Amino acid sequence: SPEDAVAAVKTMPQYERLNSPDFVDHYRKAVAAYQDQLAAKRRRR
């Protein structure tokens, strides 16, 4: 139901919401951190 959806979103931390102002910035930072991890693993190998 729509009520279930609203209740689920209300319990979410603000930073995890898709309409969070820093959503895209967080994604870009997460991708960069992941790429850094891959590069570090490659260097270790």
All heavy atoms as atom14 arrays in JSON, in Angstrom:
{
  "sequence": "SPEDAVAAVKTMPQYERLNSPDFVDHYRKAVAAYQDQLAAKRRRR",
  "atom14_mask": [
    [1, 1, 1, 1, 1, 1, 0, 0, 0, 0, 0, 0, 0, 0],
    [1, 1, 1, 1, 1, 1, 1, 0, 0, 0, 0, 0, 0, 0],
    [1, 1, 1, 1, 1, 1, 1, 1, 1, 0, 0, 0, 0, 0],
    [1, 1, 1, 1, 1, 1, 1, 1, 0, 0, 0, 0, 0, 0],
    [1, 1, 1, 1, 1, 0, 0, 0, 0, 0, 0, 0, 0, 0],
    [1, 1, 1, 1, 1, 1, 1, 0, 0, 0, 0, 0, 0, 0],
    [1, 1, 1, 1, 1, 0, 0, 0, 0, 0, 0, 0, 0, 0],
    [1, 1, 1, 1, 1, 0, 0, 0, 0, 0, 0, 0, 0, 0],
    [1, 1, 1, 1, 1, 1, 1, 0, 0, 0, 0, 0, 0, 0],
    [1, 1, 1, 1, 1, 1, 1, 1, 1, 0, 0, 0, 0, 0],
    [1, 1, 1, 1, 1, 1, 1, 0, 0, 0, 0, 0, 0, 0],
    [1, 1, 1, 1, 1, 1, 1, 1, 0, 0, 0, 0, 0, 0],
    [1, 1, 1, 1, 1, 1, 1, 0, 0, 0, 0, 0, 0, 0],
    [1, 1, 1, 1, 1, 1, 1, 1, 1, 0, 0, 0, 0, 0],
    [1, 1, 1, 1, 1, 1, 1, 1, 1, 1, 1, 1, 0, 0],
    [1, 1, 1, 1, 1, 1, 1, 1, 1, 0, 0, 0, 0, 0],
    [1, 1, 1, 1, 1, 1, 1, 1, 1, 1, 1, 0, 0, 0],
    [1, 1, 1, 1, 1, 1, 1, 1, 0, 0, 0, 0, 0, 0],
    [1, 1, 1, 1, 1, 1, 1, 1, 0, 0, 0, 0, 0, 0],
    [1, 1, 1, 1, 1, 1, 0, 0, 0, 0, 0, 0, 0, 0],
    [1, 1, 1, 1, 1, 1, 1, 0, 0, 0, 0, 0, 0, 0],
    [1, 1, 1, 1, 1, 1, 1, 1, 0, 0, 0, 0, 0, 0],
    [1, 1, 1, 1, 1, 1, 1, 1, 1, 1, 1, 0, 0, 0],
    [1, 1, 1, 1, 1, 1, 1, 0, 0, 0, 0, 0, 0, 0],
    [1, 1, 1, 1, 1, 1, 1, 1, 0, 0, 0, 0, 0, 0],
    [1, 1, 1, 1, 1, 1, 1, 1, 1, 1, 0, 0, 0, 0],
    [1, 1, 1, 1, 1, 1, 1, 1, 1, 1, 1, 1, 0, 0],
    [1, 1, 1, 1, 1, 1, 1, 1, 1, 1, 1, 0, 0, 0],
    [1, 1, 1, 1, 1, 1, 1, 1, 1, 0, 0, 0, 0, 0],
    [1, 1, 1, 1, 1, 0, 0, 0, 0, 0, 0, 0, 0, 0],
    [1, 1, 1, 1, 1, 1, 1, 0, 0, 0, 0, 0, 0, 0],
    [1, 1, 1, 1, 1, 0, 0, 0, 0, 0, 0, 0, 0, 0],
    [1, 1, 1, 1, 1, 0, 0, 0, 0, 0, 0, 0, 0, 0],
    [1, 1, 1, 1, 1, 1, 1, 1, 1, 1, 1, 1, 0, 0],
    [1, 1, 1, 1, 1, 1, 1, 1, 1, 0, 0, 0, 0, 0],
    [1, 1, 1, 1, 1, 1, 1, 1, 0, 0, 0, 0, 0, 0],
    [1, 1, 1, 1, 1, 1, 1, 1, 1, 0, 0, 0, 0, 0],
    [1, 1, 1, 1, 1, 1, 1, 1, 0, 0, 0, 0, 0, 0],
    [1, 1, 1, 1, 1, 0, 0, 0, 0, 0, 0, 0, 0, 0],
    [1, 1, 1, 1, 1, 0, 0, 0, 0, 0, 0, 0, 0, 0],
    [1, 1, 1, 1, 1, 1, 1, 1, 1, 0, 0, 0, 0, 0],
    [1, 1, 1, 1, 1, 1, 1, 1, 1, 1, 1, 0, 0, 0],
    [1, 1, 1, 1, 1, 1, 1, 1, 1, 1, 1, 0, 0, 0],
    [1, 1, 1, 1, 1, 1, 1, 1, 1, 1, 1, 0, 0, 0],
    [1, 1, 1, 1, 1, 1, 1, 1, 1, 1, 1, 0, 0, 0]
  ],
  "atom14_positions": [
    [[0.84, -1.2, 0.0], [0.0, 0.0, 0.0], [0.88, 1.25, 0.0], [2.05, 1.18, 0.38], [-0.89, 0.02, 1.25], [-0.1, 0.24, 2.41], [0.0, 0.0, 0.0], [0.0, 0.0, 0.0], [0.0, 0.0, 0.0], [0.0, 0.0, 0.0], [0.0, 0.0, 0.0], [0.0, 0.0, 0.0], [0.0, 0.0, 0.0], [0.0, 0.0, 0.0]],
    [[0.32, 2.38, -0.4], [1.08, 3.63, -0.32], [1.51, 3.94, 1.12], [2.59, 4.49, 1.34], [0.1, 4.67, -0.84], [-0.87, 3.91, -1.68], [-0.97, 2.56, -1.05], [0.0, 0.0, 0.0], [0.0, 0.0, 0.0], [0.0, 0.0, 0.0], [0.0, 0.0, 0.0], [0.0, 0.0, 0.0], [0.0, 0.0, 0.0], [0.0, 0.0, 0.0]],
    [[0.7, 3.57, 2.07], [1.04, 3.82, 3.48], [2.29, 3.04, 3.88], [3.14, 3.54, 4.62], [-0.13, 3.45, 4.4], [-1.35, 4.33, 4.23], [-2.23, 3.96, 3.02], [-2.09, 2.84, 2.49], [-3.03, 4.82, 2.6], [0.0, 0.0, 0.0], [0.0, 0.0, 0.0], [0.0, 0.0, 0.0], [0.0, 0.0, 0.0], [0.0, 0.0, 0.0]],
    [[2.4, 1.8, 3.4], [3.6, 1.0, 3.68], [4.84, 1.65, 3.07], [5.91, 1.67, 3.68], [3.46, -0.42, 3.12], [2.45, -1.27, 3.88], [2.04, -0.88, 4.99], [2.08, -2.33, 3.34], [0.0, 0.0, 0.0], [0.0, 0.0, 0.0], [0.0, 0.0, 0.0], [0.0, 0.0, 0.0], [0.0, 0.0, 0.0], [0.0, 0.0, 0.0]],
    [[4.68, 2.18, 1.86], [5.8, 2.83, 1.19], [6.25, 4.07, 1.98], [7.45, 4.27, 2.21], [5.42, 3.23, -0.24], [0.0, 0.0, 0.0], [0.0, 0.0, 0.0], [0.0, 0.0, 0.0], [0.0, 0.0, 0.0], [0.0, 0.0, 0.0], [0.0, 0.0, 0.0], [0.0, 0.0, 0.0], [0.0, 0.0, 0.0], [0.0, 0.0, 0.0]],
    [[5.3, 4.88, 2.39], [5.62, 6.1, 3.15], [6.3, 5.72, 4.46], [7.31, 6.33, 4.85], [4.36, 6.95, 3.38], [4.63, 8.06, 4.38], [3.85, 7.5, 2.06], [0.0, 0.0, 0.0], [0.0, 0.0, 0.0], [0.0, 0.0, 0.0], [0.0, 0.0, 0.0], [0.0, 0.0, 0.0], [0.0, 0.0, 0.0], [0.0, 0.0, 0.0]],
    [[5.8, 4.7, 5.14], [6.4, 4.28, 6.41], [7.83, 3.8, 6.21], [8.72, 4.12, 7.02], [5.55, 3.17, 7.04], [0.0, 0.0, 0.0], [0.0, 0.0, 0.0], [0.0, 0.0, 0.0], [0.0, 0.0, 0.0], [0.0, 0.0, 0.0], [0.0, 0.0, 0.0], [0.0, 0.0, 0.0], [0.0, 0.0, 0.0], [0.0, 0.0, 0.0]],
    [[8.08, 3.05, 5.13], [9.44, 2.56, 4.86], [10.4, 3.7, 4.59], [11.53, 3.71, 5.1], [9.42, 1.6, 3.68], [0.0, 0.0, 0.0], [0.0, 0.0, 0.0], [0.0, 0.0, 0.0], [0.0, 0.0, 0.0], [0.0, 0.0, 0.0], [0.0, 0.0, 0.0], [0.0, 0.0, 0.0], [0.0, 0.0, 0.0], [0.0, 0.0, 0.0]],
    [[9.96, 4.68, 3.83], [10.84, 5.82, 3.51], [11.09, 6.65, 4.76], [12.22, 7.13, 4.97], [10.25, 6.66, 2.36], [11.03, 7.95, 2.17], [10.22, 5.85, 1.07], [0.0, 0.0, 0.0], [0.0, 0.0, 0.0], [0.0, 0.0, 0.0], [0.0, 0.0, 0.0], [0.0, 0.0, 0.0], [0.0, 0.0, 0.0], [0.0, 0.0, 0.0]],
    [[10.1, 6.81, 5.6], [10.28, 7.61, 6.82], [11.31, 6.99, 7.76], [11.96, 7.73, 8.51], [8.95, 7.77, 7.54], [8.05, 8.8, 6.92], [6.8, 9.02, 7.75], [5.94, 10.12, 7.15], [4.72, 10.36, 7.95], [0.0, 0.0, 0.0], [0.0, 0.0, 0.0], [0.0, 0.0, 0.0], [0.0, 0.0, 0.0], [0.0, 0.0, 0.0]],
    [[11.46, 5.68, 7.72], [12.44, 5.03, 8.61], [13.86, 5.06, 8.05], [14.8, 4.71, 8.75], [12.05, 3.57, 8.9], [12.08, 2.82, 7.69], [10.68, 3.49, 9.55], [0.0, 0.0, 0.0], [0.0, 0.0, 0.0], [0.0, 0.0, 0.0], [0.0, 0.0, 0.0], [0.0, 0.0, 0.0], [0.0, 0.0, 0.0], [0.0, 0.0, 0.0]],
    [[14.0, 5.46, 6.78], [15.33, 5.5, 6.16], [16.16, 6.66, 6.7], [15.63, 7.74, 6.91], [15.21, 5.74, 4.65], [14.64, 4.64, 3.85], [14.52, 5.14, 2.11], [16.25, 5.17, 1.65], [0.0, 0.0, 0.0], [0.0, 0.0, 0.0], [0.0, 0.0, 0.0], [0.0, 0.0, 0.0], [0.0, 0.0, 0.0], [0.0, 0.0, 0.0]],
    [[17.46, 6.45, 6.84], [18.32, 7.6, 7.14], [18.27, 8.57, 5.95], [18.18, 8.15, 4.79], [19.72, 6.99, 7.25], [19.51, 5.53, 7.43], [18.19, 5.2, 6.8], [0.0, 0.0, 0.0], [0.0, 0.0, 0.0], [0.0, 0.0, 0.0], [0.0, 0.0, 0.0], [0.0, 0.0, 0.0], [0.0, 0.0, 0.0], [0.0, 0.0, 0.0]],
    [[18.31, 9.84, 6.22], [18.21, 10.86, 5.18], [19.27, 10.68, 4.09], [18.99, 10.83, 2.91], [18.33, 12.26, 5.81], [18.11, 13.4, 4.83], [16.68, 13.48, 4.32], [15.74, 13.19, 5.03], [16.53, 13.86, 3.07], [0.0, 0.0, 0.0], [0.0, 0.0, 0.0], [0.0, 0.0, 0.0], [0.0, 0.0, 0.0], [0.0, 0.0, 0.0]],
    [[20.49, 10.31, 4.49], [21.58, 10.2, 3.52], [21.38, 9.05, 2.54], [22.01, 9.03, 1.48], [22.94, 10.08, 4.21], [23.14, 8.77, 4.95], [23.71, 7.68, 4.3], [22.78, 8.64, 6.27], [23.9, 6.48, 4.97], [22.96, 7.44, 6.95], [23.52, 6.37, 6.29], [23.7, 5.18, 6.95], [0.0, 0.0, 0.0], [0.0, 0.0, 0.0]],
    [[20.53, 8.07, 2.85], [20.28, 6.95, 1.94], [19.14, 7.22, 0.97], [18.92, 6.45, 0.05], [19.99, 5.68, 2.73], [21.21, 5.1, 3.42], [20.94, 3.76, 4.06], [19.81, 3.24, 3.95], [21.86, 3.24, 4.7], [0.0, 0.0, 0.0], [0.0, 0.0, 0.0], [0.0, 0.0, 0.0], [0.0, 0.0, 0.0], [0.0, 0.0, 0.0]],
    [[18.45, 8.31, 1.17], [17.31, 8.61, 0.31], [17.79, 9.09, -1.05], [18.78, 9.81, -1.17], [16.42, 9.66, 0.96], [15.77, 9.13, 2.22], [14.87, 10.14, 2.84], [14.38, 9.62, 4.11], [13.52, 10.25, 4.87], [13.06, 11.44, 4.51], [13.12, 9.7, 6.0], [0.0, 0.0, 0.0], [0.0, 0.0, 0.0], [0.0, 0.0, 0.0]],
    [[17.05, 8.71, -2.07], [17.43, 9.06, -3.43], [17.32, 10.55, -3.7], [17.95, 11.06, -4.63], [16.58, 8.28, -4.44], [16.62, 6.76, -4.29], [15.75, 6.1, -5.35], [18.04, 6.24, -4.33], [0.0, 0.0, 0.0], [0.0, 0.0, 0.0], [0.0, 0.0, 0.0], [0.0, 0.0, 0.0], [0.0, 0.0, 0.0], [0.0, 0.0, 0.0]],
    [[16.55, 11.24, -2.9], [16.41, 12.69, -3.08], [17.32, 13.47, -2.14], [17.18, 14.68, -2.0], [14.96, 13.12, -2.9], [14.41, 12.82, -1.52], [15.01, 12.07, -0.75], [13.25, 13.36, -1.22], [0.0, 0.0, 0.0], [0.0, 0.0, 0.0], [0.0, 0.0, 0.0], [0.0, 0.0, 0.0], [0.0, 0.0, 0.0], [0.0, 0.0, 0.0]],
    [[18.28, 12.79, -1.53], [19.25, 13.46, -0.67], [20.09, 14.41, -1.52], [20.51, 14.05, -2.63], [20.15, 12.42, -0.01], [21.21, 13.03, 0.67], [0.0, 0.0, 0.0], [0.0, 0.0, 0.0], [0.0, 0.0, 0.0], [0.0, 0.0, 0.0], [0.0, 0.0, 0.0], [0.0, 0.0, 0.0], [0.0, 0.0, 0.0], [0.0, 0.0, 0.0]],
    [[20.35, 15.61, -1.03], [21.12, 16.59, -1.82], [22.51, 16.09, -2.23], [23.03, 16.49, -3.27], [21.23, 17.81, -0.91], [20.25, 17.61, 0.17], [19.94, 16.15, 0.25], [0.0, 0.0, 0.0], [0.0, 0.0, 0.0], [0.0, 0.0, 0.0], [0.0, 0.0, 0.0], [0.0, 0.0, 0.0], [0.0, 0.0, 0.0], [0.0, 0.0, 0.0]],
    [[23.1, 15.21, -1.44], [24.46, 14.75, -1.76], [24.48, 13.34, -2.36], [25.51, 12.68, -2.4], [25.35, 14.82, -0.53], [24.93, 13.85, 0.56], [23.76, 13.41, 0.56], [25.77, 13.51, 1.41], [0.0, 0.0, 0.0], [0.0, 0.0, 0.0], [0.0, 0.0, 0.0], [0.0, 0.0, 0.0], [0.0, 0.0, 0.0], [0.0, 0.0, 0.0]],
    [[23.32, 12.88, -2.85], [23.23, 11.52, -3.38], [24.24, 11.27, -4.5], [25.0, 10.31, -4.48], [21.8, 11.23, -3.87], [21.63, 9.84, -4.39], [21.41, 8.79, -3.52], [21.7, 9.58, -5.75], [21.27, 7.49, -4.0], [21.56, 8.29, -6.24], [21.34, 7.25, -5.36], [0.0, 0.0, 0.0], [0.0, 0.0, 0.0], [0.0, 0.0, 0.0]],
    [[24.26, 12.13, -5.49], [25.16, 11.95, -6.64], [26.62, 12.1, -6.22], [27.48, 11.32, -6.63], [24.81, 12.93, -7.78], [25.83, 12.87, -8.91], [23.41, 12.62, -8.32], [0.0, 0.0, 0.0], [0.0, 0.0, 0.0], [0.0, 0.0, 0.0], [0.0, 0.0, 0.0], [0.0, 0.0, 0.0], [0.0, 0.0, 0.0], [0.0, 0.0, 0.0]],
    [[26.89, 13.06, -5.35], [28.26, 13.26, -4.87], [28.74, 12.02, -4.11], [29.89, 11.59, -4.29], [28.32, 14.51, -3.99], [29.74, 14.89, -3.63], [30.6, 14.9, -4.54], [29.99, 15.16, -2.44], [0.0, 0.0, 0.0], [0.0, 0.0, 0.0], [0.0, 0.0, 0.0], [0.0, 0.0, 0.0], [0.0, 0.0, 0.0], [0.0, 0.0, 0.0]],
    [[27.89, 11.46, -3.28], [28.25, 10.24, -2.54], [28.55, 9.1, -3.51], [29.53, 8.37, -3.33], [27.13, 9.82, -1.59], [27.45, 8.55, -0.88], [27.18, 7.32, -1.41], [28.06, 8.32, 0.31], [27.59, 6.37, -0.58], [28.13, 6.96, 0.47], [0.0, 0.0, 0.0], [0.0, 0.0, 0.0], [0.0, 0.0, 0.0], [0.0, 0.0, 0.0]],
    [[27.73, 8.98, -4.54], [27.96, 7.92, -5.53], [29.32, 8.1, -6.2], [30.09, 7.15, -6.34], [26.84, 7.9, -6.57], [27.11, 6.96, -7.71], [27.13, 5.58, -7.51], [27.39, 7.44, -8.98], [27.4, 4.71, -8.56], [27.67, 6.58, -10.03], [27.67, 5.22, -9.81], [27.95, 4.35, -10.84], [0.0, 0.0, 0.0], [0.0, 0.0, 0.0]],
    [[29.61, 9.3, -6.62], [30.89, 9.56, -7.29], [32.07, 9.25, -6.36], [33.07, 8.67, -6.79], [30.96, 11.01, -7.76], [30.06, 11.28, -8.95], [30.15, 12.71, -9.42], [29.27, 12.91, -10.56], [28.62, 14.02, -10.79], [28.74, 15.05, -9.98], [27.83, 14.12, -11.84], [0.0, 0.0, 0.0], [0.0, 0.0, 0.0], [0.0, 0.0, 0.0]],
    [[31.95, 9.63, -5.09], [33.01, 9.33, -4.13], [33.14, 7.83, -3.9], [34.26, 7.31, -3.78], [32.74, 10.04, -2.8], [32.98, 11.54, -2.88], [32.65, 12.22, -1.56], [32.85, 13.72, -1.67], [32.47, 14.42, -0.44], [0.0, 0.0, 0.0], [0.0, 0.0, 0.0], [0.0, 0.0, 0.0], [0.0, 0.0, 0.0], [0.0, 0.0, 0.0]],
    [[32.02, 7.13, -3.84], [32.05, 5.67, -3.65], [32.71, 4.99, -4.84], [33.51, 4.06, -4.67], [30.63, 5.14, -3.44], [0.0, 0.0, 0.0], [0.0, 0.0, 0.0], [0.0, 0.0, 0.0], [0.0, 0.0, 0.0], [0.0, 0.0, 0.0], [0.0, 0.0, 0.0], [0.0, 0.0, 0.0], [0.0, 0.0, 0.0], [0.0, 0.0, 0.0]],
    [[32.41, 5.44, -6.04], [33.03, 4.88, -7.25], [34.53, 5.15, -7.23], [35.35, 4.26, -7.5], [32.38, 5.43, -8.53], [33.2, 5.08, -9.77], [30.95, 4.92, -8.66], [0.0, 0.0, 0.0], [0.0, 0.0, 0.0], [0.0, 0.0, 0.0], [0.0, 0.0, 0.0], [0.0, 0.0, 0.0], [0.0, 0.0, 0.0], [0.0, 0.0, 0.0]],
    [[34.93, 6.37, -6.89], [36.35, 6.72, -6.84], [37.08, 5.87, -5.79], [38.18, 5.37, -6.04], [36.53, 8.2, -6.53], [0.0, 0.0, 0.0], [0.0, 0.0, 0.0], [0.0, 0.0, 0.0], [0.0, 0.0, 0.0], [0.0, 0.0, 0.0], [0.0, 0.0, 0.0], [0.0, 0.0, 0.0], [0.0, 0.0, 0.0], [0.0, 0.0, 0.0]],
    [[36.46, 5.67, -4.63], [37.08, 4.85, -3.58], [37.22, 3.41, -4.05], [38.26, 2.76, -3.81], [36.25, 4.92, -2.3], [0.0, 0.0, 0.0], [0.0, 0.0, 0.0], [0.0, 0.0, 0.0], [0.0, 0.0, 0.0], [0.0, 0.0, 0.0], [0.0, 0.0, 0.0], [0.0, 0.0, 0.0], [0.0, 0.0, 0.0], [0.0, 0.0, 0.0]],
    [[36.21, 2.89, -4.72], [36.28, 1.53, -5.24], [37.39, 1.41, -6.28], [38.17, 0.46, -6.26], [34.93, 1.12, -5.84], [34.96, -0.26, -6.43], [34.96, -1.38, -5.61], [35.02, -0.45, -7.8], [35.02, -2.66, -6.14], [35.07, -1.72, -8.35], [35.07, -2.82, -7.5], [35.14, -4.08, -8.04], [0.0, 0.0, 0.0], [0.0, 0.0, 0.0]],
    [[37.5, 2.38, -7.17], [38.55, 2.35, -8.18], [39.93, 2.44, -7.53], [40.88, 1.78, -7.98], [38.34, 3.47, -9.2], [37.14, 3.22, -10.08], [36.79, 4.41, -10.96], [37.19, 5.54, -10.72], [36.01, 4.15, -12.0], [0.0, 0.0, 0.0], [0.0, 0.0, 0.0], [0.0, 0.0, 0.0], [0.0, 0.0, 0.0], [0.0, 0.0, 0.0]],
    [[40.05, 3.23, -6.46], [41.31, 3.3, -5.72], [41.66, 1.95, -5.1], [42.82, 1.53, -5.11], [41.23, 4.37, -4.62], [41.23, 5.79, -5.17], [41.53, 5.97, -6.38], [40.9, 6.71, -4.4], [0.0, 0.0, 0.0], [0.0, 0.0, 0.0], [0.0, 0.0, 0.0], [0.0, 0.0, 0.0], [0.0, 0.0, 0.0], [0.0, 0.0, 0.0]],
    [[40.65, 1.25, -4.56], [40.87, -0.08, -3.99], [41.38, -1.05, -5.06], [42.31, -1.82, -4.83], [39.59, -0.65, -3.37], [39.18, 0.0, -2.09], [37.83, -0.55, -1.61], [37.07, -1.13, -2.37], [37.54, -0.31, -0.34], [0.0, 0.0, 0.0], [0.0, 0.0, 0.0], [0.0, 0.0, 0.0], [0.0, 0.0, 0.0], [0.0, 0.0, 0.0]],
    [[40.74, -1.01, -6.23], [41.18, -1.88, -7.32], [42.62, -1.57, -7.73], [43.41, -2.49, -7.97], [40.26, -1.72, -8.53], [38.86, -2.3, -8.41], [38.08, -2.04, -9.7], [38.89, -3.78, -8.09], [0.0, 0.0, 0.0], [0.0, 0.0, 0.0], [0.0, 0.0, 0.0], [0.0, 0.0, 0.0], [0.0, 0.0, 0.0], [0.0, 0.0, 0.0]],
    [[42.95, -0.3, -7.84], [44.31, 0.1, -8.22], [45.32, -0.36, -7.17], [46.4, -0.85, -7.52], [44.38, 1.61, -8.41], [0.0, 0.0, 0.0], [0.0, 0.0, 0.0], [0.0, 0.0, 0.0], [0.0, 0.0, 0.0], [0.0, 0.0, 0.0], [0.0, 0.0, 0.0], [0.0, 0.0, 0.0], [0.0, 0.0, 0.0], [0.0, 0.0, 0.0]],
    [[44.98, -0.25, -5.9], [45.88, -0.69, -4.83], [46.09, -2.21, -4.9], [47.21, -2.69, -4.74], [45.33, -0.29, -3.47], [0.0, 0.0, 0.0], [0.0, 0.0, 0.0], [0.0, 0.0, 0.0], [0.0, 0.0, 0.0], [0.0, 0.0, 0.0], [0.0, 0.0, 0.0], [0.0, 0.0, 0.0], [0.0, 0.0, 0.0], [0.0, 0.0, 0.0]],
    [[45.03, -2.96, -5.14], [45.15, -4.42, -5.27], [46.04, -4.77, -6.46], [46.89, -5.66, -6.38], [43.78, -5.06, -5.49], [42.97, -5.25, -4.25], [41.68, -5.96, -4.59], [40.78, -6.09, -3.41], [39.52, -6.78, -3.74], [0.0, 0.0, 0.0], [0.0, 0.0, 0.0], [0.0, 0.0, 0.0], [0.0, 0.0, 0.0], [0.0, 0.0, 0.0]],
    [[45.85, -4.05, -7.56], [46.64, -4.3, -8.76], [48.13, -4.03, -8.47], [48.99, -4.81, -8.85], [46.13, -3.42, -9.91], [46.64, -3.78, -11.27], [45.92, -3.06, -12.41], [45.39, -1.74, -12.13], [44.09, -1.45, -11.94], [43.18, -2.4, -11.98], [43.7, -0.21, -11.71], [0.0, 0.0, 0.0], [0.0, 0.0, 0.0], [0.0, 0.0, 0.0]],
    [[48.41, -2.93, -7.77], [49.8, -2.6, -7.43], [50.4, -3.67, -6.51], [51.56, -4.07, -6.7], [49.89, -1.23, -6.76], [49.77, -0.07, -7.73], [50.12, 1.26, -7.08], [49.27, 1.58, -5.94], [48.1, 2.21, -6.01], [47.63, 2.6, -7.19], [47.4, 2.46, -4.93], [0.0, 0.0, 0.0], [0.0, 0.0, 0.0], [0.0, 0.0, 0.0]],
    [[49.64, -4.15, -5.54], [50.14, -5.19, -4.64], [50.47, -6.47, -5.41], [51.49, -7.11, -5.16], [49.15, -5.48, -3.52], [49.12, -4.4, -2.45], [48.36, -4.85, -1.2], [46.96, -5.14, -1.46], [45.97, -4.26, -1.41], [46.22, -3.0, -1.09], [44.73, -4.62, -1.64], [0.0, 0.0, 0.0], [0.0, 0.0, 0.0], [0.0, 0.0, 0.0]],
    [[49.58, -6.85, -6.34], [49.84, -8.05, -7.15], [51.09, -7.86, -8.01], [51.92, -8.78, -8.11], [48.63, -8.36, -8.04], [47.51, -9.05, -7.33], [46.5, -9.64, -8.32], [45.98, -8.68, -9.27], [44.89, -7.96, -9.13], [44.17, -8.08, -8.04], [44.48, -7.12, -10.07], [0.0, 0.0, 0.0], [0.0, 0.0, 0.0], [0.0, 0.0, 0.0]]
  ]
}
